[in-house]
């Protein structure tokens, strides 16, 4: 189990490397700011914002981001559904093109998407998300006590399923 946790930790480091490097590059392209100017200004603004507002500011920022990201996710779905007629038309075209198929229970590891692969992936992803993810740990530590943290964890796991 220790080697698995180490693997997840290294995996997260690579993921955060991508998360930290791409916004400054996009800022550089869009605004002309150098990468280091973008990194330093974002760090300074984030540090000041968090030290003034504390964890409450971080939580409200997370809530606002959830609303923005949900809207950004739903906008193209609604737009594409209304531009071609309806979502049922989109689903029927996907069924005709064999893009939506039934879940296979085949145990052959060469089959791309199977029930067993989904179960293994979901288990490993949940361990990663709720055991080593910095965001989850931060949320656990913001709870008043252990019972509240456990309640949050159960609520989160229910929403993932």
N, C-alpha and C. Protein backbone atom coordinates (compact mmCIF):
# COMPACT_ATOMS: atom_id res chain seq x y z
N UNK A 1 0.83 -1.20 0.00
CA UNK A 1 0.00 0.00 0.00
C UNK A 1 0.87 1.26 0.00
N UNK A 2 2.04 1.18 0.63
CA UNK A 2 2.92 2.34 0.67
C UNK A 2 3.39 2.71 -0.72
N UNK A 3 3.74 1.73 -1.55
CA UNK A 3 4.20 2.04 -2.90
C UNK A 3 3.07 2.65 -3.72
N UNK A 4 1.84 2.20 -3.49
CA UNK A 4 0.70 2.78 -4.21
C UNK A 4 0.53 4.25 -3.81
N UNK A 5 0.64 4.54 -2.52
CA UNK A 5 0.52 5.93 -2.05
C UNK A 5 1.64 6.78 -2.63
N UNK A 6 2.84 6.23 -2.73
CA UNK A 6 3.95 6.97 -3.32
C UNK A 6 3.69 7.24 -4.80
N UNK A 7 3.14 6.25 -5.48
CA UNK A 7 2.81 6.43 -6.90
C UNK A 7 1.76 7.52 -7.07
N UNK A 8 0.74 7.52 -6.21
CA UNK A 8 -0.28 8.56 -6.29
C UNK A 8 0.31 9.93 -6.02
N UNK A 9 1.24 10.01 -5.07
CA UNK A 9 1.87 11.28 -4.74
C UNK A 9 2.65 11.81 -5.94
N UNK A 10 3.42 10.94 -6.59
CA UNK A 10 4.19 11.34 -7.76
C UNK A 10 3.25 11.73 -8.90
N UNK A 11 2.17 10.97 -9.07
CA UNK A 11 1.18 11.29 -10.09
C UNK A 11 0.59 12.67 -9.86
N UNK A 12 0.27 12.99 -8.63
CA UNK A 12 -0.27 14.32 -8.30
C UNK A 12 0.75 15.40 -8.58
N UNK A 13 2.03 15.13 -8.31
CA UNK A 13 3.07 16.13 -8.58
C UNK A 13 3.13 16.46 -10.06
N UNK A 14 3.02 15.44 -10.93
CA UNK A 14 3.02 15.70 -12.36
C UNK A 14 1.77 16.47 -12.76
N UNK A 15 0.63 16.12 -12.18
CA UNK A 15 -0.61 16.81 -12.51
C UNK A 15 -0.54 18.27 -12.07
N UNK A 16 -0.02 18.53 -10.88
CA UNK A 16 0.09 19.91 -10.42
C UNK A 16 1.12 20.68 -11.23
N UNK A 17 2.12 19.99 -11.75
CA UNK A 17 3.09 20.65 -12.61
C UNK A 17 2.39 21.21 -13.84
N UNK A 18 1.50 20.43 -14.43
CA UNK A 18 0.73 20.89 -15.58
C UNK A 18 -0.21 22.03 -15.19
N UNK A 19 -0.86 21.87 -14.03
CA UNK A 19 -1.81 22.90 -13.57
C UNK A 19 -1.09 24.22 -13.31
N UNK A 20 0.12 24.17 -12.77
CA UNK A 20 0.84 25.40 -12.44
C UNK A 20 1.50 26.03 -13.66
N UNK A 21 1.86 25.25 -14.66
CA UNK A 21 2.58 25.81 -15.80
C UNK A 21 1.68 26.37 -16.90
N UNK A 22 0.52 25.80 -17.12
CA UNK A 22 -0.29 26.23 -18.26
C UNK A 22 -0.95 27.60 -18.11
N UNK A 23 -1.50 27.98 -16.95
CA UNK A 23 -2.08 29.33 -16.87
C UNK A 23 -1.09 30.46 -17.13
N UNK A 24 0.15 30.40 -16.62
CA UNK A 24 1.08 31.49 -16.97
C UNK A 24 1.41 31.53 -18.46
N UNK A 25 1.46 30.37 -19.10
CA UNK A 25 1.73 30.36 -20.55
C UNK A 25 0.55 31.00 -21.29
N UNK A 26 -0.67 30.66 -20.88
CA UNK A 26 -1.85 31.27 -21.49
C UNK A 26 -1.87 32.78 -21.23
N UNK A 27 -1.50 33.19 -20.02
CA UNK A 27 -1.42 34.61 -19.69
C UNK A 27 -0.39 35.31 -20.57
N UNK A 28 0.73 34.65 -20.81
CA UNK A 28 1.78 35.20 -21.65
C UNK A 28 1.26 35.44 -23.06
N UNK A 29 0.54 34.48 -23.60
CA UNK A 29 0.02 34.59 -24.96
C UNK A 29 -1.06 35.67 -25.04
N UNK A 30 -1.95 35.70 -24.04
CA UNK A 30 -3.10 36.62 -24.11
C UNK A 30 -2.75 38.06 -23.75
N UNK A 31 -1.87 38.25 -22.75
CA UNK A 31 -1.63 39.62 -22.26
C UNK A 31 -0.24 40.15 -22.58
N UNK A 32 0.67 39.26 -22.93
CA UNK A 32 2.02 39.70 -23.20
C UNK A 32 2.89 39.75 -21.95
N UNK A 33 2.33 39.41 -20.79
CA UNK A 33 3.14 39.35 -19.57
C UNK A 33 4.11 38.17 -19.67
N UNK A 34 5.30 38.34 -19.12
CA UNK A 34 6.22 37.21 -19.11
C UNK A 34 5.69 36.15 -18.14
N UNK A 35 6.19 34.95 -18.30
CA UNK A 35 5.73 33.86 -17.45
C UNK A 35 6.03 34.15 -15.99
N UNK A 36 7.22 34.64 -15.69
CA UNK A 36 7.59 34.91 -14.29
C UNK A 36 6.77 36.06 -13.70
N UNK A 37 6.47 37.08 -14.50
CA UNK A 37 5.61 38.17 -14.01
C UNK A 37 4.23 37.63 -13.67
N UNK A 38 3.71 36.77 -14.52
CA UNK A 38 2.40 36.17 -14.28
C UNK A 38 2.41 35.31 -13.02
N UNK A 39 3.44 34.49 -12.86
CA UNK A 39 3.53 33.61 -11.68
C UNK A 39 3.65 34.44 -10.40
N UNK A 40 4.54 35.42 -10.40
CA UNK A 40 4.74 36.24 -9.20
C UNK A 40 3.50 37.07 -8.87
N UNK A 41 2.87 37.67 -9.87
CA UNK A 41 1.68 38.49 -9.58
C UNK A 41 0.53 37.63 -9.06
N UNK A 42 0.34 36.45 -9.65
CA UNK A 42 -0.71 35.55 -9.18
C UNK A 42 -0.43 35.08 -7.76
N UNK A 43 0.83 34.78 -7.47
CA UNK A 43 1.21 34.33 -6.13
C UNK A 43 0.98 35.44 -5.10
N UNK A 44 1.38 36.64 -5.43
CA UNK A 44 1.23 37.76 -4.49
C UNK A 44 -0.25 38.06 -4.25
N UNK A 45 -1.03 38.12 -5.33
CA UNK A 45 -2.47 38.40 -5.19
C UNK A 45 -3.15 37.29 -4.39
N UNK A 46 -2.83 36.03 -4.69
CA UNK A 46 -3.44 34.91 -3.96
C UNK A 46 -3.06 34.89 -2.49
N UNK A 47 -1.81 35.22 -2.19
CA UNK A 47 -1.36 35.25 -0.80
C UNK A 47 -2.05 36.36 -0.02
N UNK A 48 -2.14 37.53 -0.60
CA UNK A 48 -2.80 38.65 0.08
C UNK A 48 -4.29 38.34 0.28
N UNK A 49 -4.93 37.84 -0.78
CA UNK A 49 -6.36 37.52 -0.73
C UNK A 49 -6.65 36.48 0.36
N UNK A 50 -5.82 35.44 0.41
CA UNK A 50 -6.04 34.39 1.40
C UNK A 50 -5.72 34.87 2.81
N UNK A 51 -4.66 35.69 2.97
CA UNK A 51 -4.34 36.15 4.33
C UNK A 51 -5.35 37.14 4.86
N UNK A 52 -5.97 37.90 4.00
CA UNK A 52 -7.00 38.83 4.47
C UNK A 52 -8.31 38.09 4.74
N UNK A 53 -8.72 37.24 3.80
CA UNK A 53 -10.02 36.57 3.92
C UNK A 53 -9.97 35.24 4.64
N UNK A 54 -8.80 34.64 4.76
CA UNK A 54 -8.67 33.35 5.43
C UNK A 54 -9.31 32.22 4.63
N UNK A 55 -9.58 31.15 5.32
CA UNK A 55 -10.14 29.97 4.67
C UNK A 55 -11.55 30.24 4.15
N UNK A 56 -12.25 31.19 4.78
CA UNK A 56 -13.59 31.55 4.33
C UNK A 56 -13.54 32.10 2.90
N UNK A 57 -12.54 32.90 2.60
CA UNK A 57 -12.38 33.44 1.25
C UNK A 57 -12.09 32.32 0.26
N UNK A 58 -11.29 31.35 0.66
CA UNK A 58 -10.97 30.23 -0.21
C UNK A 58 -12.23 29.40 -0.49
N UNK A 59 -13.04 29.16 0.53
CA UNK A 59 -14.25 28.37 0.36
C UNK A 59 -15.23 29.09 -0.56
N UNK A 60 -15.40 30.41 -0.37
CA UNK A 60 -16.32 31.15 -1.23
C UNK A 60 -15.81 31.20 -2.67
N UNK A 61 -14.50 31.29 -2.84
CA UNK A 61 -13.92 31.26 -4.18
C UNK A 61 -14.19 29.90 -4.84
N UNK A 62 -14.04 28.82 -4.07
CA UNK A 62 -14.34 27.49 -4.59
C UNK A 62 -15.80 27.38 -5.00
N UNK A 63 -16.70 27.94 -4.20
CA UNK A 63 -18.13 27.89 -4.52
C UNK A 63 -18.42 28.66 -5.81
N UNK A 64 -17.82 29.82 -5.95
CA UNK A 64 -18.00 30.62 -7.16
C UNK A 64 -17.45 29.89 -8.39
N UNK A 65 -16.29 29.26 -8.24
CA UNK A 65 -15.71 28.48 -9.34
C UNK A 65 -16.61 27.31 -9.73
N UNK A 66 -17.25 26.68 -8.75
CA UNK A 66 -18.17 25.59 -9.05
C UNK A 66 -19.32 26.08 -9.93
N UNK A 67 -19.87 27.23 -9.61
CA UNK A 67 -20.97 27.78 -10.40
C UNK A 67 -20.50 28.12 -11.81
N UNK A 68 -19.33 28.75 -11.92
CA UNK A 68 -18.80 29.12 -13.24
C UNK A 68 -18.49 27.89 -14.07
N UNK A 69 -17.84 26.89 -13.47
CA UNK A 69 -17.48 25.68 -14.22
C UNK A 69 -18.72 24.87 -14.62
N UNK A 70 -19.72 24.84 -13.76
CA UNK A 70 -20.95 24.13 -14.11
C UNK A 70 -21.64 24.81 -15.29
N UNK A 71 -21.68 26.14 -15.26
CA UNK A 71 -22.25 26.88 -16.39
C UNK A 71 -21.46 26.66 -17.66
N UNK A 72 -20.12 26.64 -17.55
CA UNK A 72 -19.27 26.41 -18.72
C UNK A 72 -19.44 25.00 -19.26
N UNK A 73 -19.76 24.05 -18.39
CA UNK A 73 -20.00 22.67 -18.83
C UNK A 73 -21.35 22.54 -19.51
N UNK A 74 -22.36 23.20 -18.95
CA UNK A 74 -23.72 23.07 -19.49
C UNK A 74 -23.95 23.90 -20.75
N UNK A 75 -23.25 25.01 -20.91
CA UNK A 75 -23.49 25.91 -22.05
C UNK A 75 -23.31 25.21 -23.40
N UNK A 76 -22.20 24.52 -23.66
CA UNK A 76 -22.10 23.86 -24.98
C UNK A 76 -23.08 22.71 -25.16
N UNK A 77 -23.43 22.04 -24.08
CA UNK A 77 -24.41 20.96 -24.18
C UNK A 77 -25.77 21.52 -24.59
N UNK A 78 -26.19 22.58 -23.92
CA UNK A 78 -27.47 23.21 -24.24
C UNK A 78 -27.43 23.83 -25.64
N UNK A 79 -26.32 24.49 -25.96
CA UNK A 79 -26.19 25.13 -27.28
C UNK A 79 -26.22 24.11 -28.40
N UNK A 80 -25.49 23.02 -28.24
CA UNK A 80 -25.49 22.01 -29.30
C UNK A 80 -26.85 21.32 -29.40
N UNK A 81 -27.50 21.12 -28.27
CA UNK A 81 -28.83 20.52 -28.29
C UNK A 81 -29.86 21.38 -28.99
N UNK A 82 -29.78 22.67 -28.79
CA UNK A 82 -30.75 23.57 -29.42
C UNK A 82 -30.40 23.86 -30.87
N UNK A 83 -29.12 23.81 -31.24
CA UNK A 83 -28.74 24.15 -32.62
C UNK A 83 -29.07 23.04 -33.60
N UNK A 84 -29.07 21.77 -33.17
CA UNK A 84 -29.40 20.67 -34.09
C UNK A 84 -30.83 20.17 -33.91
N UNK A 85 -31.53 20.66 -32.95
CA UNK A 85 -32.91 20.25 -32.76
C UNK A 85 -33.19 19.84 -31.33
N UNK A 86 -32.56 18.75 -30.89
CA UNK A 86 -32.80 18.29 -29.52
C UNK A 86 -31.68 17.35 -29.10
N UNK A 87 -31.62 17.09 -27.80
CA UNK A 87 -30.61 16.16 -27.29
C UNK A 87 -30.91 14.72 -27.73
N UNK A 88 -32.19 14.40 -27.93
CA UNK A 88 -32.52 13.05 -28.39
C UNK A 88 -31.99 12.80 -29.79
N UNK A 89 -31.96 13.82 -30.63
CA UNK A 89 -31.38 13.69 -31.97
C UNK A 89 -29.88 13.40 -31.87
N UNK A 90 -29.19 14.10 -30.96
CA UNK A 90 -27.76 13.87 -30.76
C UNK A 90 -27.50 12.44 -30.30
N UNK A 91 -28.31 11.97 -29.35
CA UNK A 91 -28.13 10.60 -28.86
C UNK A 91 -28.41 9.58 -29.96
N UNK A 92 -29.43 9.81 -30.77
CA UNK A 92 -29.74 8.85 -31.84
C UNK A 92 -28.61 8.80 -32.87
N UNK A 93 -28.02 9.93 -33.21
CA UNK A 93 -26.89 9.95 -34.14
C UNK A 93 -25.67 9.23 -33.54
N UNK A 94 -25.45 9.40 -32.25
CA UNK A 94 -24.34 8.70 -31.59
C UNK A 94 -24.58 7.20 -31.55
N UNK A 95 -25.82 6.78 -31.37
CA UNK A 95 -26.13 5.35 -31.38
C UNK A 95 -25.92 4.77 -32.78
N UNK A 96 -26.30 5.53 -33.82
CA UNK A 96 -26.09 5.07 -35.19
C UNK A 96 -24.61 4.90 -35.51
N UNK A 97 -23.79 5.80 -35.00
CA UNK A 97 -22.35 5.73 -35.26
C UNK A 97 -21.61 4.82 -34.30
N UNK A 98 -22.32 4.09 -33.45
CA UNK A 98 -21.75 3.16 -32.47
C UNK A 98 -20.78 3.86 -31.50
N UNK A 99 -21.10 5.08 -31.16
CA UNK A 99 -20.29 5.80 -30.17
C UNK A 99 -20.77 5.53 -28.75
N UNK A 100 -22.01 5.17 -28.60
CA UNK A 100 -22.58 4.81 -27.31
C UNK A 100 -22.92 3.33 -27.35
N UNK A 101 -22.19 2.53 -26.61
CA UNK A 101 -22.43 1.10 -26.60
C UNK A 101 -22.71 0.65 -25.18
N UNK A 102 -23.25 -0.55 -25.05
CA UNK A 102 -23.50 -1.11 -23.72
C UNK A 102 -22.18 -1.46 -23.05
N UNK A 103 -22.18 -1.42 -21.74
CA UNK A 103 -20.99 -1.74 -20.97
C UNK A 103 -20.70 -3.23 -21.05
N UNK A 104 -19.46 -3.55 -21.34
CA UNK A 104 -19.07 -4.95 -21.50
C UNK A 104 -18.61 -5.53 -20.16
N UNK A 105 -18.97 -6.77 -19.89
CA UNK A 105 -18.51 -7.48 -18.70
C UNK A 105 -17.37 -8.44 -19.04
N UNK A 106 -16.76 -8.26 -20.19
CA UNK A 106 -15.68 -9.13 -20.65
C UNK A 106 -14.45 -8.95 -19.75
N UNK A 107 -13.80 -10.06 -19.37
CA UNK A 107 -12.62 -10.00 -18.51
C UNK A 107 -11.33 -9.87 -19.30
N UNK A 108 -11.41 -9.78 -20.61
CA UNK A 108 -10.22 -9.66 -21.45
C UNK A 108 -9.60 -8.28 -21.25
N UNK A 109 -8.31 -8.20 -20.85
CA UNK A 109 -7.69 -6.90 -20.60
C UNK A 109 -7.45 -6.08 -21.87
N UNK A 110 -7.59 -6.69 -23.04
CA UNK A 110 -7.38 -5.96 -24.29
C UNK A 110 -8.62 -5.17 -24.71
N UNK A 111 -9.77 -5.45 -24.10
CA UNK A 111 -10.98 -4.70 -24.41
C UNK A 111 -10.90 -3.36 -23.71
N UNK A 112 -11.19 -2.31 -24.45
CA UNK A 112 -10.92 -0.97 -23.95
C UNK A 112 -11.77 -0.57 -22.75
N UNK A 113 -13.07 -0.62 -22.84
CA UNK A 113 -13.95 -0.20 -21.75
C UNK A 113 -14.77 -1.38 -21.28
N UNK A 114 -14.53 -1.81 -20.05
CA UNK A 114 -15.30 -2.91 -19.46
C UNK A 114 -15.77 -2.52 -18.08
N UNK A 115 -16.69 -3.26 -17.55
CA UNK A 115 -17.19 -3.05 -16.19
C UNK A 115 -16.04 -3.20 -15.19
N UNK A 116 -15.21 -4.20 -15.39
CA UNK A 116 -14.12 -4.48 -14.44
C UNK A 116 -13.07 -3.37 -14.47
N UNK A 117 -12.77 -2.88 -15.63
CA UNK A 117 -11.84 -1.76 -15.72
C UNK A 117 -12.39 -0.52 -15.05
N UNK A 118 -13.70 -0.31 -15.19
CA UNK A 118 -14.36 0.82 -14.54
C UNK A 118 -14.29 0.70 -13.02
N UNK A 119 -14.51 -0.51 -12.50
CA UNK A 119 -14.46 -0.72 -11.05
C UNK A 119 -13.04 -0.50 -10.53
N UNK A 120 -12.04 -1.05 -11.21
CA UNK A 120 -10.65 -0.88 -10.77
C UNK A 120 -10.25 0.58 -10.84
N UNK A 121 -10.57 1.25 -11.94
CA UNK A 121 -10.22 2.66 -12.08
C UNK A 121 -10.92 3.51 -11.02
N UNK A 122 -12.20 3.26 -10.80
CA UNK A 122 -12.94 4.05 -9.82
C UNK A 122 -12.37 3.89 -8.42
N UNK A 123 -11.98 2.67 -8.07
CA UNK A 123 -11.38 2.43 -6.75
C UNK A 123 -10.07 3.18 -6.61
N UNK A 124 -9.20 3.05 -7.60
CA UNK A 124 -7.90 3.74 -7.53
C UNK A 124 -8.08 5.25 -7.55
N UNK A 125 -9.00 5.74 -8.36
CA UNK A 125 -9.23 7.18 -8.43
C UNK A 125 -9.79 7.72 -7.12
N UNK A 126 -10.68 6.96 -6.48
CA UNK A 126 -11.24 7.40 -5.19
C UNK A 126 -10.17 7.43 -4.11
N UNK A 127 -9.30 6.42 -4.10
CA UNK A 127 -8.19 6.43 -3.14
C UNK A 127 -7.31 7.66 -3.36
N UNK A 128 -7.07 7.98 -4.62
CA UNK A 128 -6.27 9.14 -4.94
C UNK A 128 -6.98 10.42 -4.53
N UNK A 129 -8.24 10.53 -4.89
CA UNK A 129 -8.98 11.76 -4.64
C UNK A 129 -9.20 12.03 -3.16
N UNK A 130 -9.56 10.99 -2.40
CA UNK A 130 -9.90 11.21 -1.00
C UNK A 130 -8.77 10.91 -0.03
N UNK A 131 -7.66 10.35 -0.52
CA UNK A 131 -6.58 10.00 0.38
C UNK A 131 -5.35 10.87 0.24
N UNK A 132 -5.02 11.30 -0.98
CA UNK A 132 -3.77 12.04 -1.16
C UNK A 132 -3.94 13.40 -1.82
N UNK A 133 -5.13 13.75 -2.22
CA UNK A 133 -5.36 15.01 -2.91
C UNK A 133 -5.29 16.18 -1.92
N UNK A 134 -4.54 17.19 -2.28
CA UNK A 134 -4.34 18.34 -1.40
C UNK A 134 -5.65 19.06 -1.11
N UNK A 135 -6.52 19.15 -2.09
CA UNK A 135 -7.80 19.83 -1.90
C UNK A 135 -8.66 19.11 -0.87
N UNK A 136 -8.72 17.78 -0.95
CA UNK A 136 -9.52 17.02 0.01
C UNK A 136 -8.94 17.13 1.41
N UNK A 137 -7.64 17.02 1.52
CA UNK A 137 -7.00 17.15 2.84
C UNK A 137 -7.27 18.53 3.42
N UNK A 138 -7.21 19.56 2.59
CA UNK A 138 -7.51 20.92 3.06
C UNK A 138 -8.94 21.00 3.58
N UNK A 139 -9.87 20.37 2.89
CA UNK A 139 -11.26 20.40 3.33
C UNK A 139 -11.45 19.62 4.62
N UNK A 140 -10.76 18.49 4.76
CA UNK A 140 -10.84 17.74 6.02
C UNK A 140 -10.34 18.58 7.19
N UNK A 141 -9.23 19.27 6.98
CA UNK A 141 -8.63 20.06 8.05
C UNK A 141 -9.46 21.29 8.41
N UNK A 142 -10.33 21.73 7.52
CA UNK A 142 -11.19 22.90 7.80
C UNK A 142 -12.43 22.52 8.59
N UNK A 143 -12.69 21.23 8.73
CA UNK A 143 -13.87 20.81 9.49
C UNK A 143 -13.64 21.02 10.98
N UNK A 144 -14.74 21.20 11.71
CA UNK A 144 -14.64 21.47 13.15
C UNK A 144 -14.08 20.30 13.94
N UNK A 145 -14.49 19.09 13.54
CA UNK A 145 -14.04 17.90 14.27
C UNK A 145 -14.00 16.71 13.32
N UNK A 146 -13.62 15.56 13.86
CA UNK A 146 -13.47 14.36 13.04
C UNK A 146 -14.81 13.89 12.47
N UNK A 147 -15.87 14.02 13.24
CA UNK A 147 -17.19 13.57 12.79
C UNK A 147 -17.65 14.38 11.59
N UNK A 148 -17.43 15.70 11.62
CA UNK A 148 -17.80 16.55 10.49
C UNK A 148 -16.99 16.18 9.25
N UNK A 149 -15.71 15.90 9.42
CA UNK A 149 -14.87 15.49 8.29
C UNK A 149 -15.34 14.17 7.70
N UNK A 150 -15.74 13.23 8.56
CA UNK A 150 -16.24 11.95 8.08
C UNK A 150 -17.57 12.14 7.35
N UNK A 151 -18.40 13.03 7.85
CA UNK A 151 -19.69 13.31 7.20
C UNK A 151 -19.45 13.92 5.81
N UNK A 152 -18.49 14.83 5.72
CA UNK A 152 -18.15 15.43 4.42
C UNK A 152 -17.65 14.35 3.46
N UNK A 153 -16.81 13.45 3.96
CA UNK A 153 -16.25 12.40 3.12
C UNK A 153 -17.34 11.48 2.59
N UNK A 154 -18.28 11.09 3.45
CA UNK A 154 -19.39 10.23 3.01
C UNK A 154 -20.26 10.95 1.98
N UNK A 155 -20.52 12.23 2.19
CA UNK A 155 -21.32 13.01 1.26
C UNK A 155 -20.62 13.12 -0.09
N UNK A 156 -19.31 13.34 -0.08
CA UNK A 156 -18.54 13.45 -1.32
C UNK A 156 -18.53 12.15 -2.07
N UNK A 157 -18.33 11.04 -1.38
CA UNK A 157 -18.29 9.73 -2.03
C UNK A 157 -19.64 9.40 -2.66
N UNK A 158 -20.71 9.76 -2.00
CA UNK A 158 -22.05 9.52 -2.54
C UNK A 158 -22.24 10.29 -3.85
N UNK A 159 -21.72 11.51 -3.92
CA UNK A 159 -21.88 12.32 -5.11
C UNK A 159 -21.02 11.81 -6.27
N UNK A 160 -19.92 11.14 -5.97
CA UNK A 160 -19.07 10.60 -7.02
C UNK A 160 -19.75 9.42 -7.68
N UNK A 161 -20.41 8.58 -6.90
CA UNK A 161 -21.07 7.41 -7.45
C UNK A 161 -22.28 7.84 -8.23
